[in-house]
Protein backbone atom coordinates (compact mmCIF):
# COMPACT_ATOMS: atom_id res chain seq x y z
CA MET A 1 -41.73 -141.46 -126.32
CA LYS A 2 -42.44 -141.22 -122.63
CA PRO A 3 -43.07 -138.05 -120.65
CA PRO A 4 -40.41 -136.57 -118.36
CA VAL A 5 -40.62 -137.09 -114.62
CA PHE A 6 -42.98 -134.67 -112.90
CA ASP A 7 -45.03 -134.35 -109.73
CA TYR A 8 -48.81 -134.71 -109.95
CA ALA A 9 -51.39 -132.94 -107.83
CA PHE A 10 -55.14 -133.37 -107.81
CA ALA A 11 -56.88 -130.06 -107.09
CA ASP A 12 -59.97 -129.94 -104.88
CA HIS A 13 -60.47 -126.19 -104.99
CA LEU A 14 -59.76 -123.29 -107.33
CA ASP A 15 -57.63 -121.49 -104.75
CA GLU A 16 -55.51 -124.63 -104.42
CA VAL A 17 -54.75 -124.41 -108.15
CA ALA A 18 -53.89 -120.74 -107.79
CA GLU A 19 -51.52 -121.57 -104.93
CA PHE A 20 -49.73 -124.21 -106.99
CA LEU A 21 -49.40 -121.79 -109.91
CA ALA A 22 -48.06 -119.03 -107.67
CA ASP A 23 -45.51 -121.31 -106.03
CA GLU A 24 -44.25 -123.07 -109.17
CA GLY A 25 -44.68 -120.26 -111.73
CA GLY A 26 -43.87 -121.33 -115.27
CA GLU A 27 -42.87 -124.84 -114.18
CA VAL A 28 -46.46 -126.02 -113.63
CA ARG A 29 -49.03 -127.14 -116.21
CA VAL A 30 -52.78 -127.38 -115.69
CA LEU A 31 -54.46 -130.61 -116.83
CA ALA A 32 -58.18 -130.56 -117.63
CA GLY A 33 -58.96 -133.00 -120.44
CA GLY A 34 -55.36 -133.68 -121.40
CA GLN A 35 -55.96 -134.08 -125.13
CA SER A 36 -53.21 -131.57 -125.94
CA LEU A 37 -51.08 -131.58 -122.82
CA VAL A 38 -50.53 -135.34 -122.61
CA ALA A 39 -49.30 -135.48 -126.21
CA MET A 40 -46.94 -132.56 -125.57
CA LEU A 41 -45.64 -134.28 -122.44
CA ASN A 42 -45.02 -137.50 -124.34
CA MET A 43 -43.10 -135.64 -127.02
CA ARG A 44 -41.28 -133.67 -124.30
CA LEU A 45 -42.31 -130.38 -125.84
CA VAL A 46 -43.11 -129.29 -122.29
CA GLN A 47 -41.26 -130.50 -119.21
CA PRO A 48 -43.05 -129.20 -116.12
CA THR A 49 -42.04 -129.97 -112.57
CA LEU A 50 -45.72 -130.25 -111.58
CA VAL A 51 -48.97 -131.14 -113.34
CA VAL A 52 -52.15 -129.99 -111.57
CA ASP A 53 -55.30 -131.94 -112.44
CA ILE A 54 -58.40 -129.69 -112.35
CA SER A 55 -60.77 -132.15 -114.03
CA ARG A 56 -62.96 -132.52 -110.95
CA LEU A 57 -62.92 -129.00 -109.62
CA PRO A 58 -66.24 -128.40 -107.86
CA ASP A 59 -68.57 -125.77 -109.32
CA HIS A 60 -66.73 -125.40 -112.62
CA ASP A 61 -68.62 -127.88 -114.77
CA PHE A 62 -71.19 -125.25 -115.74
CA ILE A 63 -72.75 -123.65 -118.80
CA THR A 64 -74.79 -120.61 -117.84
CA LEU A 65 -76.86 -118.31 -120.03
CA LYS A 66 -77.39 -114.85 -118.63
CA GLU A 67 -77.76 -111.33 -119.98
CA GLY A 68 -76.73 -112.12 -123.54
CA VAL A 69 -73.66 -114.16 -122.59
CA VAL A 70 -72.95 -117.89 -122.36
CA GLU A 71 -70.34 -118.58 -119.69
CA ILE A 72 -68.53 -121.92 -119.79
CA GLY A 73 -66.55 -123.31 -116.86
CA CYS A 74 -63.04 -124.69 -117.15
CA THR A 75 -64.01 -128.36 -116.74
CA VAL A 76 -66.79 -128.43 -119.36
CA THR A 77 -65.95 -130.88 -122.13
CA GLN A 78 -66.44 -130.15 -125.79
CA SER A 79 -69.04 -132.92 -126.01
CA THR A 80 -71.01 -131.44 -123.11
CA LEU A 81 -71.18 -128.12 -124.94
CA GLN A 82 -71.93 -129.79 -128.27
CA PHE A 83 -75.03 -131.46 -126.82
CA TRP A 84 -76.14 -128.55 -124.65
CA PRO A 85 -79.86 -128.08 -125.48
CA GLU A 86 -79.54 -124.31 -125.93
CA LEU A 87 -76.50 -124.41 -128.21
CA ALA A 88 -78.22 -124.03 -131.59
CA LYS A 89 -80.26 -121.07 -130.41
CA SER A 90 -77.66 -119.29 -128.27
CA LEU A 91 -74.38 -120.12 -130.06
CA PRO A 92 -75.17 -121.20 -133.62
CA LEU A 93 -71.56 -120.62 -134.72
CA LEU A 94 -70.31 -123.16 -132.19
CA LYS A 95 -73.10 -125.52 -133.19
CA ARG A 96 -71.58 -125.53 -136.67
CA ALA A 97 -67.96 -125.67 -135.53
CA LEU A 98 -67.95 -128.28 -132.76
CA PRO A 99 -68.41 -131.34 -135.04
CA TRP A 100 -65.11 -130.33 -136.68
CA VAL A 101 -63.22 -130.32 -133.36
CA GLY A 102 -61.12 -133.49 -133.23
CA HIS A 103 -63.12 -136.71 -132.98
CA ARG A 104 -66.00 -137.84 -130.79
CA GLN A 105 -63.58 -139.61 -128.45
CA THR A 106 -61.36 -136.55 -127.98
CA ARG A 107 -64.38 -134.25 -127.54
CA ASN A 108 -65.52 -136.49 -124.69
CA LYS A 109 -62.34 -135.64 -122.77
CA GLY A 110 -61.08 -132.37 -124.21
CA THR A 111 -62.38 -129.21 -122.55
CA VAL A 112 -63.53 -125.98 -124.17
CA CYS A 113 -61.25 -123.84 -122.02
CA GLY A 114 -58.36 -126.24 -122.58
CA SER A 115 -58.55 -125.74 -126.33
CA ILE A 116 -58.49 -121.98 -125.87
CA ALA A 117 -55.55 -122.21 -123.46
CA HIS A 118 -53.62 -124.43 -125.90
CA ALA A 119 -54.00 -121.64 -128.50
CA ASP A 120 -53.33 -123.64 -131.65
CA PRO A 121 -53.72 -121.22 -134.59
CA SER A 122 -55.61 -123.88 -136.60
CA ALA A 123 -58.03 -124.89 -133.82
CA GLU A 124 -61.74 -124.25 -134.20
CA LEU A 125 -62.67 -123.02 -130.71
CA PRO A 126 -60.10 -120.18 -130.51
CA LEU A 127 -61.30 -119.15 -133.97
CA CYS A 128 -64.94 -119.01 -132.82
CA LEU A 129 -63.99 -117.06 -129.70
CA ALA A 130 -62.23 -114.51 -131.93
CA ALA A 131 -65.10 -114.35 -134.45
CA LEU A 132 -67.64 -113.70 -131.70
CA ASN A 133 -65.29 -111.37 -129.81
CA GLY A 134 -65.70 -113.42 -126.65
CA GLU A 135 -63.79 -113.14 -123.40
CA ALA A 136 -61.66 -115.30 -121.13
CA VAL A 137 -61.88 -115.05 -117.35
CA LEU A 138 -58.40 -115.52 -115.88
CA TYR A 139 -57.78 -116.44 -112.26
CA SER A 140 -54.75 -116.39 -109.99
CA SER A 141 -53.88 -115.81 -106.34
CA ARG A 142 -53.85 -112.09 -107.21
CA GLY A 143 -57.50 -112.17 -108.23
CA GLU A 144 -59.48 -112.26 -111.45
CA ARG A 145 -59.17 -110.39 -114.72
CA VAL A 146 -60.96 -110.57 -118.06
CA LEU A 147 -59.30 -110.48 -121.48
CA ALA A 148 -61.05 -110.09 -124.83
CA ALA A 149 -60.28 -112.74 -127.44
CA HIS A 150 -57.99 -110.45 -129.44
CA GLU A 151 -55.96 -109.76 -126.29
CA LEU A 152 -55.78 -113.39 -125.18
CA GLN A 153 -54.11 -115.26 -128.03
CA VAL A 154 -50.85 -113.54 -128.90
CA GLY A 155 -49.09 -116.19 -130.99
CA MET A 156 -48.73 -119.87 -131.84
CA LEU A 157 -49.48 -121.89 -128.66
CA GLU A 158 -49.11 -118.64 -126.72
CA THR A 159 -51.59 -116.62 -124.70
CA ALA A 160 -51.40 -113.50 -122.58
CA CYS A 161 -51.96 -115.56 -119.42
CA ALA A 162 -49.29 -114.87 -116.81
CA PRO A 163 -47.38 -117.93 -115.50
CA ASP A 164 -49.52 -117.92 -112.34
CA GLU A 165 -52.87 -117.59 -114.15
CA MET A 166 -55.37 -120.12 -115.48
CA ILE A 167 -58.47 -119.72 -117.64
CA ARG A 168 -61.33 -120.16 -115.18
CA ALA A 169 -64.14 -119.63 -117.68
CA LEU A 170 -65.02 -118.36 -121.15
CA ARG A 171 -67.76 -115.93 -122.15
CA PHE A 172 -69.36 -116.11 -125.59
CA PRO A 173 -71.89 -113.45 -126.68
CA THR A 174 -75.20 -115.04 -127.63
CA ALA A 175 -76.57 -114.92 -131.17
CA LYS A 176 -77.72 -111.52 -132.35
CA THR A 177 -81.27 -111.19 -133.57
CA GLY A 178 -81.31 -111.33 -137.36
CA ALA A 179 -77.65 -112.34 -137.67
CA GLY A 180 -76.34 -115.23 -139.78
CA TYR A 181 -73.48 -117.57 -138.96
CA GLY A 182 -71.26 -119.80 -141.05
CA PHE A 183 -68.33 -122.13 -140.48
CA GLY A 184 -66.17 -124.32 -142.71
CA GLU A 185 -62.70 -125.74 -142.93
CA VAL A 186 -60.41 -127.82 -145.11
CA ALA A 187 -58.21 -130.50 -143.52
CA TYR A 188 -56.54 -133.64 -144.84
CA ARG A 189 -58.85 -135.79 -142.71
CA HIS A 190 -61.89 -134.96 -140.65
CA GLY A 191 -60.63 -134.34 -137.12
CA ASP A 192 -57.21 -133.07 -138.19
CA PHE A 193 -56.29 -129.46 -137.53
CA ALA A 194 -57.46 -127.24 -140.35
CA ILE A 195 -55.26 -126.11 -143.22
CA VAL A 196 -57.65 -123.16 -143.39
CA ALA A 197 -60.76 -122.59 -141.27
CA VAL A 198 -63.31 -119.81 -141.72
CA ALA A 199 -65.90 -118.49 -139.27
CA VAL A 200 -68.33 -115.77 -140.31
CA VAL A 201 -70.84 -113.57 -138.50
CA ALA A 202 -73.09 -111.58 -140.86
CA THR A 203 -75.65 -108.90 -140.06
CA SER A 204 -77.67 -106.55 -142.22
CA GLU A 205 -74.86 -104.01 -141.83
CA CYS A 206 -71.56 -105.90 -141.88
CA ILE A 207 -69.65 -109.15 -142.37
CA ARG A 208 -67.15 -110.27 -139.73
CA ILE A 209 -64.81 -113.00 -140.94
CA ALA A 210 -62.24 -114.91 -138.89
CA LEU A 211 -59.55 -117.13 -140.41
CA GLY A 212 -57.60 -119.92 -138.77
CA GLY A 213 -54.52 -121.74 -140.01
CA VAL A 214 -53.17 -118.78 -141.96
CA SER A 215 -50.94 -117.18 -139.33
CA GLU A 216 -49.83 -117.63 -135.73
CA LYS A 217 -53.26 -116.72 -134.34
CA PRO A 218 -56.81 -116.24 -135.63
CA GLU A 219 -57.11 -113.28 -138.00
CA VAL A 220 -60.31 -111.21 -137.92
CA CYS A 221 -61.55 -108.72 -140.49
CA GLU A 222 -64.82 -106.77 -140.71
CA TRP A 223 -66.40 -105.35 -143.85
CA PRO A 224 -69.64 -103.58 -144.66
CA LEU A 225 -72.22 -105.74 -146.40
CA LEU A 226 -70.75 -106.24 -149.88
CA GLU A 227 -72.17 -107.19 -153.25
CA ASP A 228 -70.85 -110.40 -154.80
CA LYS A 229 -68.16 -108.89 -157.03
CA PHE A 230 -66.86 -106.65 -154.24
CA LEU A 231 -66.86 -109.57 -151.80
CA ASP A 232 -64.61 -111.58 -154.13
CA ASP A 233 -62.24 -108.61 -154.36
CA ALA A 234 -62.25 -108.21 -150.57
CA LEU A 235 -61.42 -111.89 -150.04
CA ASN A 236 -58.63 -111.71 -152.60
CA ASP A 237 -57.18 -108.59 -150.95
CA LEU A 238 -57.39 -110.29 -147.56
CA ALA A 239 -55.63 -113.41 -148.86
CA TRP A 240 -52.72 -111.35 -150.16
CA LYS A 241 -52.62 -109.05 -147.13
CA LEU A 242 -52.22 -111.99 -144.77
CA GLY A 243 -49.65 -113.58 -147.01
CA THR A 244 -50.44 -116.87 -145.23
CA ASN A 245 -47.86 -119.19 -143.84
CA GLU A 246 -46.26 -122.01 -145.80
CA ASP A 247 -45.37 -125.32 -144.19
CA GLN A 248 -45.29 -129.08 -144.81
CA HIS A 249 -49.08 -129.19 -144.92
CA ALA A 250 -49.78 -126.58 -147.59
CA THR A 251 -48.20 -123.87 -149.69
CA ALA A 252 -49.04 -120.21 -149.26
CA TYR A 253 -50.61 -120.31 -152.73
CA TYR A 254 -52.97 -123.10 -151.69
CA ARG A 255 -53.97 -121.32 -148.50
CA ARG A 256 -54.69 -118.10 -150.41
CA SER A 257 -56.86 -120.10 -152.81
CA LEU A 258 -58.76 -121.57 -149.87
CA ILE A 259 -59.35 -118.15 -148.35
CA ARG A 260 -61.00 -117.09 -151.61
CA SER A 261 -63.06 -120.22 -152.29
CA LEU A 262 -63.88 -121.43 -148.78
CA GLY A 263 -64.32 -117.88 -147.55
CA ARG A 264 -66.82 -117.19 -150.35
CA ARG A 265 -68.82 -120.30 -149.49
CA VAL A 266 -68.94 -119.68 -145.74
CA VAL A 267 -69.87 -116.02 -146.18
CA GLY A 268 -72.67 -117.16 -148.48
CA GLU A 269 -73.83 -119.64 -145.82
CA ALA A 270 -73.96 -116.89 -143.20
CA LEU A 271 -75.76 -114.45 -145.50
CA ALA A 272 -78.34 -117.11 -146.36
CA CYS A 273 -79.23 -117.34 -142.66
CA LEU A 274 -80.06 -113.64 -142.35
CA ASP A 275 -83.67 -113.01 -141.38
């Protein structure tokens, strides 16, 4: 299929983007890497009157590390983050997750903020943002506001961004001293969206587990540090509590089984990394 007819604008400044968004409202789409938007345009799942290209916005291709937070600008590609020299030390969870995001070719174009804005419930980056309790910096002509991960994604392909807002940057808390991190997923092929994905942050006091692919947004649960038999019970209870969605890719039964087995393995991986 071919995309619908739309106007195209190339943005030279952040305030120019904000002006377009304010004028057009819900009829405008922001294009950064285009790995999700272009496909949706071609399938006519979205039919905007205007597409604003922000791929060369000045001063937004940044990854900064300051005061326990990594801030990532809206034009940073997934590959740029994947090969950032400080990634393994500062964001070990993303170091584990990024190789699972699409393919090398799509990571070269797709942006980190774009994946969060797309809000696919099976995507790896929204899951990591939820697991780490990160934040999104939203920008519009009315100013700037910050939303925590649990406030940002509200449903399948749906965020709390107003029609005139864009995600200007993301903030990920850096690795905690003594914490362990784990990530894993099951998909039909490497690079496909996950049937179930699991991200875990473990400390000496608690286990924080985030699940993707099981509902309309990432699901996060936190437990005290549990012995093996109690951990299995907790995972089983979580699998039944979520119910898990059933679609053409997998049954609810299969997804519950993956929560138990994959969840157990990824929790073990995170606990093994504890100092």
